[in-house]
Amino acid sequence: METREHPHREAWNKGKLVGQNAPLKPKDIWAIRIHLQNAHDVRDLAMFNLAIDSKLRGCDLVSLRVRDVTHGNQVLSRAMVVQRKTQRPVQFELTEPTRTAEAAWIAKVALRSGPSSSN
């Protein structure tokens, strides 16, 4: 029986840092916000600000509804959602830049807080 030698392959992550990335620094957060504002990217700015304020997991962030962050035509200063993974309620404060960005996005896309709308 003949044996074949396989060439030695290096691991894809050899010499690279693996694991959790360092958290964003405040100057990085502001740089991203300024970039999104200058690009007039209303949706991404609203989602980024909401992610920073709420610290929600991505799956919970994208499943938020307009009614979760608004009451009538006004964006709430505090919101509460139930996390999908833990089934625990999380309350968070929406800062003024986030409320402004959310209101701009809702107005631009004409989203409503009815039962079938989402943001």
PDB file of N, CA and C in Angstrom:
ATOM      1  N   MET A   1       0.835  -1.167   0.000  1.00  0.00           N
ATOM      2  CA  MET A   1       0.000   0.000   0.000  1.00  0.00           C
ATOM      3  C   MET A   1       0.892   1.246   0.000  1.00  0.00           C
ATOM      4  N   GLU A   2       0.532   2.152  -0.814  1.00  0.00           N
ATOM      5  CA  GLU A   2       1.327   3.349  -1.003  1.00  0.00           C
ATOM      6  C   GLU A   2       0.777   4.487  -0.142  1.00  0.00           C
ATOM      7  N   THR A   3       1.618   5.172   0.551  1.00  0.00           N
ATOM      8  CA  THR A   3       1.167   6.300   1.379  1.00  0.00           C
ATOM      9  C   THR A   3       1.500   7.596   0.673  1.00  0.00           C
ATOM     10  N   ARG A   4       0.549   8.498   0.731  1.00  0.00           N
ATOM     11  CA  ARG A   4       0.763   9.816   0.135  1.00  0.00           C
ATOM     12  C   ARG A   4       1.066  10.807   1.252  1.00  0.00           C
ATOM     13  N   GLU A   5       2.017  11.612   0.999  1.00  0.00           N
ATOM     14  CA  GLU A   5       2.316  12.647   1.961  1.00  0.00           C
ATOM     15  C   GLU A   5       1.570  13.913   1.585  1.00  0.00           C
ATOM     16  N   HIS A   6       0.873  14.441   2.550  1.00  0.00           N
ATOM     17  CA  HIS A   6       0.173  15.702   2.333  1.00  0.00           C
ATOM     18  C   HIS A   6       1.113  16.832   2.702  1.00  0.00           C
ATOM     19  N   PRO A   7       1.157  17.850   1.896  1.00  0.00           N
ATOM     20  CA  PRO A   7       2.006  18.982   2.260  1.00  0.00           C
ATOM     21  C   PRO A   7       1.473  19.641   3.532  1.00  0.00           C
ATOM     22  N   HIS A   8       2.372  20.086   4.349  1.00  0.00           N
ATOM     23  CA  HIS A   8       1.997  20.711   5.616  1.00  0.00           C
ATOM     24  C   HIS A   8       1.338  22.063   5.329  1.00  0.00           C
ATOM     25  N   ARG A   9       0.131  22.235   5.839  1.00  0.00           N
ATOM     26  CA  ARG A   9      -0.585  23.499   5.665  1.00  0.00           C
ATOM     27  C   ARG A   9      -0.517  24.293   6.963  1.00  0.00           C
ATOM     28  N   GLU A  10      -0.336  25.590   6.822  1.00  0.00           N
ATOM     29  CA  GLU A  10      -0.335  26.452   7.997  1.00  0.00           C
ATOM     30  C   GLU A  10      -1.765  26.813   8.353  1.00  0.00           C
ATOM     31  N   ALA A  11      -2.004  27.002   9.612  1.00  0.00           N
ATOM     32  CA  ALA A  11      -3.322  27.419  10.068  1.00  0.00           C
ATOM     33  C   ALA A  11      -3.638  28.814   9.526  1.00  0.00           C
ATOM     34  N   TRP A  12      -4.912  29.059   9.218  1.00  0.00           N
ATOM     35  CA  TRP A  12      -5.318  30.349   8.653  1.00  0.00           C
ATOM     36  C   TRP A  12      -5.061  31.502   9.617  1.00  0.00           C
ATOM     37  N   ASN A  13      -5.036  31.198  10.902  1.00  0.00           N
ATOM     38  CA  ASN A  13      -4.877  32.266  11.885  1.00  0.00           C
ATOM     39  C   ASN A  13      -3.490  32.310  12.517  1.00  0.00           C
ATOM     40  N   LYS A  14      -2.524  31.619  11.925  1.00  0.00           N
ATOM     41  CA  LYS A  14      -1.174  31.618  12.478  1.00  0.00           C
ATOM     42  C   LYS A  14      -0.585  33.026  12.395  1.00  0.00           C
ATOM     43  N   GLY A  15      -0.132  33.504  13.513  1.00  0.00           N
ATOM     44  CA  GLY A  15       0.485  34.822  13.567  1.00  0.00           C
ATOM     45  C   GLY A  15      -0.514  35.961  13.682  1.00  0.00           C
ATOM     46  N   LYS A  16      -1.811  35.642  13.734  1.00  0.00           N
ATOM     47  CA  LYS A  16      -2.830  36.679  13.841  1.00  0.00           C
ATOM     48  C   LYS A  16      -3.411  36.676  15.248  1.00  0.00           C
ATOM     49  N   LEU A  17      -3.891  37.829  15.647  1.00  0.00           N
ATOM     50  CA  LEU A  17      -4.566  37.930  16.929  1.00  0.00           C
ATOM     51  C   LEU A  17      -5.970  37.371  16.770  1.00  0.00           C
ATOM     52  N   VAL A  18      -6.320  36.454  17.619  1.00  0.00           N
ATOM     53  CA  VAL A  18      -7.657  35.871  17.571  1.00  0.00           C
ATOM     54  C   VAL A  18      -8.378  36.183  18.866  1.00  0.00           C
ATOM     55  N   GLY A  19      -9.676  36.050  18.835  1.00  0.00           N
ATOM     56  CA  GLY A  19     -10.468  36.307  20.025  1.00  0.00           C
ATOM     57  C   GLY A  19     -11.230  37.608  19.914  1.00  0.00           C
ATOM     58  N   GLN A  20     -11.679  38.074  21.038  1.00  0.00           N
ATOM     59  CA  GLN A  20     -12.507  39.260  21.095  1.00  0.00           C
ATOM     60  C   GLN A  20     -11.702  40.494  20.720  1.00  0.00           C
ATOM     61  N   ASN A  21     -12.313  41.365  19.929  1.00  0.00           N
ATOM     62  CA  ASN A  21     -11.684  42.627  19.557  1.00  0.00           C
ATOM     63  C   ASN A  21     -11.797  43.617  20.702  1.00  0.00           C
ATOM     64  N   ALA A  22     -10.921  44.589  20.709  1.00  0.00           N
ATOM     65  CA  ALA A  22     -10.979  45.645  21.720  1.00  0.00           C
ATOM     66  C   ALA A  22     -12.226  46.488  21.478  1.00  0.00           C
ATOM     67  N   PRO A  23     -12.837  47.014  22.542  1.00  0.00           N
ATOM     68  CA  PRO A  23     -14.027  47.849  22.355  1.00  0.00           C
ATOM     69  C   PRO A  23     -13.672  49.154  21.653  1.00  0.00           C
ATOM     70  N   LEU A  24     -14.690  49.751  21.031  1.00  0.00           N
ATOM     71  CA  LEU A  24     -14.479  51.036  20.371  1.00  0.00           C
ATOM     72  C   LEU A  24     -14.192  52.107  21.416  1.00  0.00           C
ATOM     73  N   LYS A  25     -13.280  52.989  21.091  1.00  0.00           N
ATOM     74  CA  LYS A  25     -12.981  54.117  21.958  1.00  0.00           C
ATOM     75  C   LYS A  25     -13.940  55.256  21.603  1.00  0.00           C
ATOM     76  N   PRO A  26     -14.182  56.164  22.555  1.00  0.00           N
ATOM     77  CA  PRO A  26     -15.094  57.281  22.260  1.00  0.00           C
ATOM     78  C   PRO A  26     -14.720  58.051  20.991  1.00  0.00           C
ATOM     79  N   LYS A  27     -13.422  58.248  20.738  1.00  0.00           N
ATOM     80  CA  LYS A  27     -13.035  58.982  19.523  1.00  0.00           C
ATOM     81  C   LYS A  27     -13.381  58.183  18.263  1.00  0.00           C
ATOM     82  N   ASP A  28     -13.325  56.853  18.343  1.00  0.00           N
ATOM     83  CA  ASP A  28     -13.717  56.020  17.205  1.00  0.00           C
ATOM     84  C   ASP A  28     -15.219  56.117  16.947  1.00  0.00           C
ATOM     85  N   ILE A  29     -15.994  56.122  18.034  1.00  0.00           N
ATOM     86  CA  ILE A  29     -17.447  56.235  17.908  1.00  0.00           C
ATOM     87  C   ILE A  29     -17.817  57.564  17.258  1.00  0.00           C
ATOM     88  N   TRP A  30     -17.189  58.638  17.715  1.00  0.00           N
ATOM     89  CA  TRP A  30     -17.486  59.949  17.130  1.00  0.00           C
ATOM     90  C   TRP A  30     -17.026  60.034  15.684  1.00  0.00           C
ATOM     91  N   ALA A  31     -15.910  59.383  15.362  1.00  0.00           N
ATOM     92  CA  ALA A  31     -15.437  59.390  13.966  1.00  0.00           C
ATOM     93  C   ALA A  31     -16.441  58.679  13.055  1.00  0.00           C
ATOM     94  N   ILE A  32     -16.983  57.572  13.529  1.00  0.00           N
ATOM     95  CA  ILE A  32     -17.985  56.847  12.738  1.00  0.00           C
ATOM     96  C   ILE A  32     -19.243  57.689  12.580  1.00  0.00           C
ATOM     97  N   ARG A  33     -19.676  58.325  13.667  1.00  0.00           N
ATOM     98  CA  ARG A  33     -20.872  59.180  13.598  1.00  0.00           C
ATOM     99  C   ARG A  33     -20.674  60.318  12.593  1.00  0.00           C
ATOM    100  N   ILE A  34     -19.531  60.967  12.656  1.00  0.00           N
ATOM    101  CA  ILE A  34     -19.257  62.092  11.746  1.00  0.00           C
ATOM    102  C   ILE A  34     -19.229  61.592  10.298  1.00  0.00           C
ATOM    103  N   HIS A  35     -18.610  60.449  10.078  1.00  0.00           N
ATOM    104  CA  HIS A  35     -18.559  59.876   8.729  1.00  0.00           C
ATOM    105  C   HIS A  35     -19.968  59.599   8.189  1.00  0.00           C
ATOM    106  N   LEU A  36     -20.821  59.002   9.030  1.00  0.00           N
ATOM    107  CA  LEU A  36     -22.184  58.688   8.596  1.00  0.00           C
ATOM    108  C   LEU A  36     -23.001  59.960   8.375  1.00  0.00           C
ATOM    109  N   GLN A  37     -22.782  60.972   9.208  1.00  0.00           N
ATOM    110  CA  GLN A  37     -23.484  62.245   9.021  1.00  0.00           C
ATOM    111  C   GLN A  37     -23.052  62.908   7.722  1.00  0.00           C
ATOM    112  N   ASN A  38     -21.749  62.935   7.449  1.00  0.00           N
ATOM    113  CA  ASN A  38     -21.246  63.554   6.227  1.00  0.00           C
ATOM    114  C   ASN A  38     -21.707  62.807   4.981  1.00  0.00           C
ATOM    115  N   ALA A  39     -21.911  61.500   5.103  1.00  0.00           N
ATOM    116  CA  ALA A  39     -22.376  60.694   3.976  1.00  0.00           C
ATOM    117  C   ALA A  39     -23.900  60.763   3.837  1.00  0.00           C
ATOM    118  N   HIS A  40     -24.565  61.462   4.748  1.00  0.00           N
ATOM    119  CA  HIS A  40     -26.036  61.568   4.763  1.00  0.00           C
ATOM    120  C   HIS A  40     -26.681  60.180   4.771  1.00  0.00           C
ATOM    121  N   ASP A  41     -26.089  59.279   5.509  1.00  0.00           N
ATOM    122  CA  ASP A  41     -26.584  57.909   5.617  1.00  0.00           C
ATOM    123  C   ASP A  41     -27.480  57.817   6.855  1.00  0.00           C
ATOM    124  N   VAL A  42     -28.727  58.240   6.688  1.00  0.00           N
ATOM    125  CA  VAL A  42     -29.651  58.394   7.807  1.00  0.00           C
ATOM    126  C   VAL A  42     -29.916  57.060   8.504  1.00  0.00           C
ATOM    127  N   ARG A  43     -30.165  56.025   7.737  1.00  0.00           N
ATOM    128  CA  ARG A  43     -30.490  54.725   8.323  1.00  0.00           C
ATOM    129  C   ARG A  43     -29.325  54.174   9.135  1.00  0.00           C
ATOM    130  N   ASP A  44     -28.136  54.152   8.540  1.00  0.00           N
ATOM    131  CA  ASP A  44     -26.978  53.594   9.238  1.00  0.00           C
ATOM    132  C   ASP A  44     -26.615  54.412  10.474  1.00  0.00           C
ATOM    133  N   LEU A  45     -26.769  55.724  10.389  1.00  0.00           N
ATOM    134  CA  LEU A  45     -26.501  56.570  11.562  1.00  0.00           C
ATOM    135  C   LEU A  45     -27.491  56.255  12.678  1.00  0.00           C
ATOM    136  N   ALA A  46     -28.760  56.111  12.331  1.00  0.00           N
ATOM    137  CA  ALA A  46     -29.776  55.792  13.341  1.00  0.00           C
ATOM    138  C   ALA A  46     -29.505  54.428  13.969  1.00  0.00           C
ATOM    139  N   MET A  47     -29.173  53.442  13.156  1.00  0.00           N
ATOM    140  CA  MET A  47     -28.905  52.102  13.681  1.00  0.00           C
ATOM    141  C   MET A  47     -27.627  52.081  14.519  1.00  0.00           C
ATOM    142  N   PHE A  48     -26.594  52.777  14.089  1.00  0.00           N
ATOM    143  CA  PHE A  48     -25.339  52.827  14.838  1.00  0.00           C
ATOM    144  C   PHE A  48     -25.563  53.480  16.199  1.00  0.00           C
ATOM    145  N   ASN A  49     -26.238  54.635  16.208  1.00  0.00           N
ATOM    146  CA  ASN A  49     -26.505  55.320  17.472  1.00  0.00           C
ATOM    147  C   ASN A  49     -27.349  54.456  18.402  1.00  0.00           C
ATOM    148  N   LEU A  50     -28.349  53.790  17.837  1.00  0.00           N
ATOM    149  CA  LEU A  50     -29.200  52.915  18.642  1.00  0.00           C
ATOM    150  C   LEU A  50     -28.401  51.743  19.207  1.00  0.00           C
ATOM    151  N   ALA A  51     -27.496  51.195  18.422  1.00  0.00           N
ATOM    152  CA  ALA A  51     -26.656  50.089  18.888  1.00  0.00           C
ATOM    153  C   ALA A  51     -25.756  50.537  20.043  1.00  0.00           C
ATOM    154  N   ILE A  52     -25.168  51.710  19.923  1.00  0.00           N
ATOM    155  CA  ILE A  52     -24.288  52.225  20.971  1.00  0.00           C
ATOM    156  C   ILE A  52     -25.080  52.498  22.249  1.00  0.00           C
ATOM    157  N   ASP A  53     -26.250  53.119  22.119  1.00  0.00           N
ATOM    158  CA  ASP A  53     -27.052  53.450  23.298  1.00  0.00           C
ATOM    159  C   ASP A  53     -27.607  52.213  23.990  1.00  0.00           C
ATOM    160  N   SER A  54     -28.089  51.254  23.210  1.00  0.00           N
ATOM    161  CA  SER A  54     -28.797  50.117  23.794  1.00  0.00           C
ATOM    162  C   SER A  54     -27.883  48.969  24.200  1.00  0.00           C
ATOM    163  N   LYS A  55     -26.750  48.831  23.523  1.00  0.00           N
ATOM    164  CA  LYS A  55     -25.834  47.707  23.743  1.00  0.00           C
ATOM    165  C   LYS A  55     -26.526  46.358  23.523  1.00  0.00           C
ATOM    166  N   LEU A  56     -27.526  46.348  22.628  1.00  0.00           N
ATOM    167  CA  LEU A  56     -28.252  45.120  22.319  1.00  0.00           C
ATOM    168  C   LEU A  56     -27.441  44.242  21.366  1.00  0.00           C
ATOM    169  N   ARG A  57     -27.725  42.952  21.385  1.00  0.00           N
ATOM    170  CA  ARG A  57     -27.152  42.038  20.390  1.00  0.00           C
ATOM    171  C   ARG A  57     -27.718  42.403  19.020  1.00  0.00           C
ATOM    172  N   GLY A  58     -26.995  42.043  17.984  1.00  0.00           N
ATOM    173  CA  GLY A  58     -27.418  42.369  16.629  1.00  0.00           C
ATOM    174  C   GLY A  58     -28.800  41.854  16.296  1.00  0.00           C
ATOM    175  N   CYS A  59     -29.109  40.615  16.704  1.00  0.00           N
ATOM    176  CA  CYS A  59     -30.416  40.033  16.384  1.00  0.00           C
ATOM    177  C   CYS A  59     -31.541  40.823  17.049  1.00  0.00           C
ATOM    178  N   ASP A  60     -31.301  41.339  18.254  1.00  0.00           N
ATOM    179  CA  ASP A  60     -32.317  42.138  18.939  1.00  0.00           C
ATOM    180  C   ASP A  60     -32.415  43.531  18.328  1.00  0.00           C
ATOM    181  N   LEU A  61     -31.299  44.065  17.896  1.00  0.00           N
ATOM    182  CA  LEU A  61     -31.274  45.403  17.314  1.00  0.00           C
ATOM    183  C   LEU A  61     -32.069  45.449  16.009  1.00  0.00           C
ATOM    184  N   VAL A  62     -31.834  44.494  15.131  1.00  0.00           N
ATOM    185  CA  VAL A  62     -32.513  44.525  13.830  1.00  0.00           C
ATOM    186  C   VAL A  62     -33.972  44.100  13.919  1.00  0.00           C
ATOM    187  N   SER A  63     -34.375  43.501  15.036  1.00  0.00           N
ATOM    188  CA  SER A  63     -35.778  43.119  15.173  1.00  0.00           C
ATOM    189  C   SER A  63     -36.608  44.177  15.898  1.00  0.00           C
ATOM    190  N   LEU A  64     -36.000  45.303  16.240  1.00  0.00           N
ATOM    191  CA  LEU A  64     -36.752  46.383  16.883  1.00  0.00           C
ATOM    192  C   LEU A  64     -37.813  46.914  15.930  1.00  0.00           C
ATOM    193  N   ARG A  65     -38.898  47.339  16.509  1.00  0.00           N
ATOM    194  CA  ARG A  65     -40.001  47.941  15.762  1.00  0.00           C
ATOM    195  C   ARG A  65     -40.055  49.429  16.073  1.00  0.00           C
ATOM    196  N   VAL A  66     -40.685  50.178  15.190  1.00  0.00           N
ATOM    197  CA  VAL A  66     -40.841  51.611  15.418  1.00  0.00           C
ATOM    198  C   VAL A  66     -41.547  51.843  16.748  1.00  0.00           C
ATOM    199  N   ARG A  67     -42.538  51.031  17.049  1.00  0.00           N
ATOM    200  CA  ARG A  67     -43.303  51.200  18.299  1.00  0.00           C
ATOM    201  C   ARG A  67     -42.453  50.949  19.546  1.00  0.00           C
ATOM    202  N   ASP A  68     -41.312  50.287  19.400  1.00  0.00           N
ATOM    203  CA  ASP A  68     -40.427  50.058  20.546  1.00  0.00           C
ATOM    204  C   ASP A  68     -39.695  51.325  20.984  1.00  0.00           C
ATOM    205  N   VAL A  69     -39.515  52.266  20.058  1.00  0.00           N
ATOM    206  CA  VAL A  69     -38.736  53.473  20.366  1.00  0.00           C
ATOM    207  C   VAL A  69     -39.542  54.760  20.211  1.00  0.00           C
ATOM    208  N   THR A  70     -40.829  54.645  19.862  1.00  0.00           N
ATOM    209  CA  THR A  70     -41.646  55.847  19.700  1.00  0.00           C
ATOM    210  C   THR A  70     -42.950  55.720  20.457  1.00  0.00           C
ATOM    211  N   HIS A  71     -43.538  56.868  20.707  1.00  0.00           N
ATOM    212  CA  HIS A  71     -44.900  56.951  21.242  1.00  0.00           C
ATOM    213  C   HIS A  71     -45.578  58.053  20.440  1.00  0.00           C
ATOM    214  N   GLY A  72     -46.500  57.663  19.586  1.00  0.00           N
ATOM    215  CA  GLY A  72     -47.098  58.636  18.676  1.00  0.00           C
ATOM    216  C   GLY A  72     -46.048  59.074  17.667  1.00  0.00           C
ATOM    217  N   ASN A  73     -45.834  60.387  17.573  1.00  0.00           N
ATOM    218  CA  ASN A  73     -44.817  60.920  16.652  1.00  0.00           C
ATOM    219  C   ASN A  73     -43.518  61.263  17.363  1.00  0.00           C
ATOM    220  N   GLN A  74     -43.424  60.933  18.643  1.00  0.00           N
ATOM    221  CA  GLN A  74     -42.259  61.325  19.433  1.00  0.00           C
ATOM    222  C   GLN A  74     -41.374  60.119  19.737  1.00  0.00           C
ATOM    223  N   VAL A  75     -40.061  60.284  19.546  1.00  0.00           N
ATOM    224  CA  VAL A  75     -39.101  59.237  19.902  1.00  0.00           C
ATOM    225  C   VAL A  75     -38.891  59.292  21.406  1.00  0.00           C
ATOM    226  N   LEU A  76     -38.976  58.139  22.034  1.00  0.00           N
ATOM    227  CA  LEU A  76     -38.879  58.047  23.493  1.00  0.00           C
ATOM    228  C   LEU A  76     -37.467  58.330  23.992  1.00  0.00           C
ATOM    229  N   SER A  77     -37.371  58.839  25.222  1.00  0.00           N
ATOM    230  CA  SER A  77     -36.051  59.039  25.815  1.00  0.00           C
ATOM    231  C   SER A  77     -35.564  57.760  26.492  1.00  0.00           C
ATOM    232  N   ARG A  78     -36.501  56.858  26.836  1.00  0.00           N
ATOM    233  CA  ARG A  78     -36.168  55.540  27.392  1.00  0.00           C
ATOM    234  C   ARG A  78     -36.991  54.505  26.665  1.00  0.00           C
ATOM    235  N   ALA A  79     -36.380  53.363  26.421  1.00  0.00           N
ATOM    236  CA  ALA A  79     -37.088  52.262  25.765  1.00  0.00           C
ATOM    237  C   ALA A  79     -36.804  50.974  26.522  1.00  0.00           C
ATOM    238  N   MET A  80     -37.689  50.002  26.356  1.00  0.00           N
ATOM    239  CA  MET A  80     -37.483  48.707  26.987  1.00  0.00           C
ATOM    240  C   MET A  80     -37.878  47.625  25.988  1.00  0.00           C
ATOM    241  N   VAL A  81     -36.979  46.645  25.820  1.00  0.00           N
ATOM    242  CA  VAL A  81     -37.242  45.510  24.946  1.00  0.00           C
ATOM    243  C   VAL A  81     -36.860  44.230  25.674  1.00  0.00           C
ATOM    244  N   VAL A  82     -37.444  43.122  25.225  1.00  0.00           N
ATOM    245  CA  VAL A  82     -37.123  41.820  25.798  1.00  0.00           C
ATOM    246  C   VAL A  82     -36.094  41.160  24.887  1.00  0.00           C
ATOM    247  N   GLN A  83     -34.950  40.783  25.456  1.00  0.00           N
ATOM    248  CA  GLN A  83     -33.900  40.135  24.671  1.00  0.00           C
ATOM    249  C   GLN A  83     -34.356  38.757  24.212  1.00  0.00           C
ATOM    250  N   ARG A  84     -34.013  38.422  22.993  1.00  0.00           N
ATOM    251  CA  ARG A  84     -34.395  37.130  22.439  1.00  0.00           C
ATOM    252  C   ARG A  84     -33.655  35.977  23.122  1.00  0.00           C
ATOM    253  N   LYS A  85     -32.362  36.150  23.367  1.00  0.00           N
ATOM    254  CA  LYS A  85     -31.555  35.058  23.910  1.00  0.00           C
ATOM    255  C   LYS A  85     -31.897  34.743  25.363  1.00  0.00           C
ATOM    256  N   THR A  86     -32.014  35.777  26.184  1.00  0.00           N
ATOM    257  CA  THR A  86     -32.212  35.575  27.623  1.00  0.00           C
ATOM    258  C   THR A  86     -33.658  35.723  28.068  1.00  0.00           C
ATOM    259  N   GLN A  87     -34.506  36.262  27.210  1.00  0.00           N
ATOM    260  CA  GLN A  87     -35.903  36.543  27.548  1.00  0.00           C
ATOM    261  C   GLN A  87     -36.033  37.520  28.717  1.00  0.00           C
ATOM    262  N   ARG A  88     -35.019  38.328  28.906  1.00  0.00           N
ATOM    263  CA  ARG A  88     -35.046  39.318  29.985  1.00  0.00           C
ATOM    264  C   ARG A  88     -35.256  40.713  29.399  1.00  0.00           C
ATOM    265  N   PRO A  89     -36.035  41.535  30.101  1.00  0.00           N
ATOM    266  CA  PRO A  89     -36.235  42.899  29.613  1.00  0.00           C
ATOM    267  C   PRO A  89     -34.984  43.747  29.836  1.00  0.00           C
ATOM    268  N   VAL A  90     -34.715  44.608  28.884  1.00  0.00           N
ATOM    269  CA  VAL A  90     -33.578  45.522  28.976  1.00  0.00           C
ATOM    270  C   VAL A  90     -34.106  46.928  28.747  1.00  0.00           C
ATOM    271  N   GLN A  91     -33.808  47.808  29.681  1.00  0.00           N
ATOM    272  CA  GLN A  91     -34.202  49.201  29.545  1.00  0.00           C
ATOM    273  C   GLN A  91     -32.954  50.012  29.225  1.00  0.00           C
ATOM    274  N   PHE A  92     -33.097  50.953  28.301  1.00  0.00           N
ATOM    275  CA  PHE A  92     -31.951  51.783  27.925  1.00  0.00           C
ATOM    276  C   PHE A  92     -32.430  53.175  27.582  1.00  0.00           C
ATOM    277  N   GLU A  93     -31.516  54.121  27.718  1.00  0.00           N
ATOM    278  CA  GLU A  93     -31.812  55.519  27.430  1.00  0.00           C
ATOM    279  C   GLU A  93     -31.359  55.856  26.017  1.00  0.00           C
ATOM    280  N   LEU A  94     -32.192  56.604  25.313  1.00  0.00           N
ATOM    281  CA  LEU A  94     -31.835  57.074  23.973  1.00  0.00           C
ATOM    282  C   LEU A  94     -31.336  58.512  24.098  1.00  0.00           C
ATOM    283  N   THR A  95     -30.083  58.723  23.732  1.00  0.00           N
ATOM    284  CA  THR A  95     -29.506  60.062  23.831  1.00  0.00           C
ATOM    285  C   THR A  95     -30.109  60.978  22.773  1.00  0.00           C
ATOM    286  N   GLU A  96     -29.877  62.254  22.925  1.00  0.00           N
ATOM    287  CA  GLU A  96     -30.436  63.235  21.989  1.00  0.00           C
ATOM    288  C   GLU A  96     -29.986  62.985  20.544  1.00  0.00           C
ATOM    289  N   PRO A  97     -28.690  62.711  20.282  1.00  0.00           N
ATOM    290  CA  PRO A  97     -28.302  62.424  18.893  1.00  0.00           C
ATOM    291  C   PRO A  97     -29.029  61.195  18.322  1.00  0.00           C
ATOM    292  N   THR A  98     -29.266  60.208  19.165  1.00  0.00           N
ATOM    293  CA  THR A  98     -29.969  59.005  18.711  1.00  0.00           C
ATOM    294  C   THR A  98     -31.422  59.317  18.409  1.00  0.00           C
ATOM    295  N   ARG A  99     -32.064  60.089  19.282  1.00  0.00           N
ATOM    296  CA  ARG A  99     -33.472  60.454  19.042  1.00  0.00           C
ATOM    297  C   ARG A  99     -33.605  61.268  17.767  1.00  0.00           C
ATOM    298  N   THR A 100     -32.669  62.173  17.541  1.00  0.00           N
ATOM    299  CA  THR A 100     -32.697  62.987  16.322  1.00  0.00           C
ATOM    300  C   THR A 100     -32.512  62.117  15.084  1.00  0.00           C
ATOM    301  N   ALA A 101     -31.558  61.197  15.141  1.00  0.00           N
ATOM    302  CA  ALA A 101     -31.302  60.312  13.999  1.00  0.00           C
ATOM    303  C   ALA A 101     -32.485  59.384  13.747  1.00  0.00           C
ATOM    304  N   GLU A 102     -33.073  58.847  14.809  1.00  0.00           N
ATOM    305  CA  GLU A 102     -34.240  57.967  14.665  1.00  0.00           C
ATOM    306  C   GLU A 102     -35.405  58.726  14.043  1.00  0.00           C
ATOM    307  N   ALA A 103     -35.659  59.938  14.538  1.00  0.00           N
ATOM    308  CA  ALA A 103     -36.758  60.743  13.996  1.00  0.00           C
ATOM    309  C   ALA A 103     -36.531  61.058  12.519  1.00  0.00           C
ATOM    310  N   ALA A 104     -35.297  61.373  12.147  1.00  0.00           N
ATOM    311  CA  ALA A 104     -34.987  61.668  10.749  1.00  0.00           C
ATOM    312  C   ALA A 104     -35.199  60.447   9.862  1.00  0.00           C
ATOM    313  N   TRP A 105     -34.794  59.276  10.344  1.00  0.00           N
ATOM    314  CA  TRP A 105     -34.967  58.059   9.562  1.00  0.00           C
ATOM    315  C   TRP A 105     -36.446  57.704   9.415  1.00  0.00           C
ATOM    316  N   ILE A 106     -37.180  57.784  10.511  1.00  0.00           N
ATOM    317  CA  ILE A 106     -38.611  57.478  10.481  1.00  0.00           C
ATOM    318  C   ILE A 106     -39.330  58.410   9.519  1.00  0.00           C
ATOM    319  N   ALA A 107     -38.969  59.701   9.541  1.00  0.00           N
ATOM    320  CA  ALA A 107     -39.600  60.669   8.642  1.00  0.00           C
ATOM    321  C   ALA A 107     -39.206  60.426   7.186  1.00  0.00           C
ATOM    322  N   LYS A 108     -37.935  60.123   6.954  1.00  0.00           N
ATOM    323  CA  LYS A 108     -37.458  59.932   5.582  1.00  0.00           C
ATOM    324  C   LYS A 108     -38.122  58.737   4.911  1.00  0.00           C
ATOM    325  N   VAL A 109     -38.288  57.648   5.650  1.00  0.00           N
ATOM    326  CA  VAL A 109     -38.824  56.420   5.075  1.00  0.00           C
ATOM    327  C   VAL A 109     -40.335  56.308   5.309  1.00  0.00           C
ATOM    328  N   ALA A 110     -40.895  57.278   6.030  1.00  0.00           N
ATOM    329  CA  ALA A 110     -42.326  57.306   6.346  1.00  0.00           C
ATOM    330  C   ALA A 110     -42.756  56.040   7.081  1.00  0.00           C
ATOM    331  N   LEU A 111     -41.968  55.657   8.082  1.00  0.00           N
ATOM    332  CA  LEU A 111     -42.322  54.496   8.897  1.00  0.00           C
ATOM    333  C   LEU A 111     -43.421  54.887   9.871  1.00  0.00           C
ATOM    334  N   ARG A 112     -44.239  53.911  10.236  1.00  0.00           N
ATOM    335  CA  ARG A 112     -45.321  54.145  11.188  1.00  0.00           C
ATOM    336  C   ARG A 112     -45.170  53.178  12.345  1.00  0.00           C
ATOM    337  N   SER A 113     -45.762  53.522  13.464  1.00  0.00           N
ATOM    338  CA  SER A 113     -45.645  52.667  14.645  1.00  0.00           C
ATOM    339  C   SER A 113     -46.809  51.703  14.767  1.00  0.00           C
ATOM    340  N   GLY A 114     -47.476  51.407  13.682  1.00  0.00           N
ATOM    341  CA  GLY A 114     -48.582  50.458  13.686  1.00  0.00           C
ATOM    342  C   GLY A 114     -48.077  49.021  13.823  1.00  0.00           C
ATOM    343  N   PRO A 115     -49.000  48.056  13.857  1.00  0.00           N
ATOM    344  CA  PRO A 115     -48.617  46.664  14.079  1.00  0.00           C
ATOM    345  C   PRO A 115     -47.767  46.040  12.978  1.00  0.00           C
ATOM    346  N   SER A 116     -47.803  46.555  11.756  1.00  0.00           N
ATOM    347  CA  SER A 116     -47.054  45.897  10.664  1.00  0.00           C
ATOM    348  C   SER A 116     -45.799  46.632  10.270  1.00  0.00           C
ATOM    349  N   SER A 117     -45.452  47.704  10.960  1.00  0.00           N
ATOM    350  CA  SER A 117     -44.264  48.473  10.571  1.00  0.00           C
ATOM    351  C   SER A 117     -43.054  48.026  11.369  1.00  0.00           C
ATOM    352  N   SER A 118     -41.882  48.201  10.777  1.00  0.00           N
ATOM    353  CA  SER A 118     -40.643  47.890  11.478  1.00  0.00           C
ATOM    354  C   SER A 118     -39.587  48.879  11.051  1.00  0.00           C
ATOM    355  N   ASN A 119     -38.513  48.999  11.848  1.00  0.00           N
ATOM    356  CA  ASN A 119     -37.386  49.849  11.469  1.00  0.00           C
ATOM    357  C   ASN A 119     -36.121  49.126  11.494  1.00  0.00           C
TER     358      ASN A 119
END
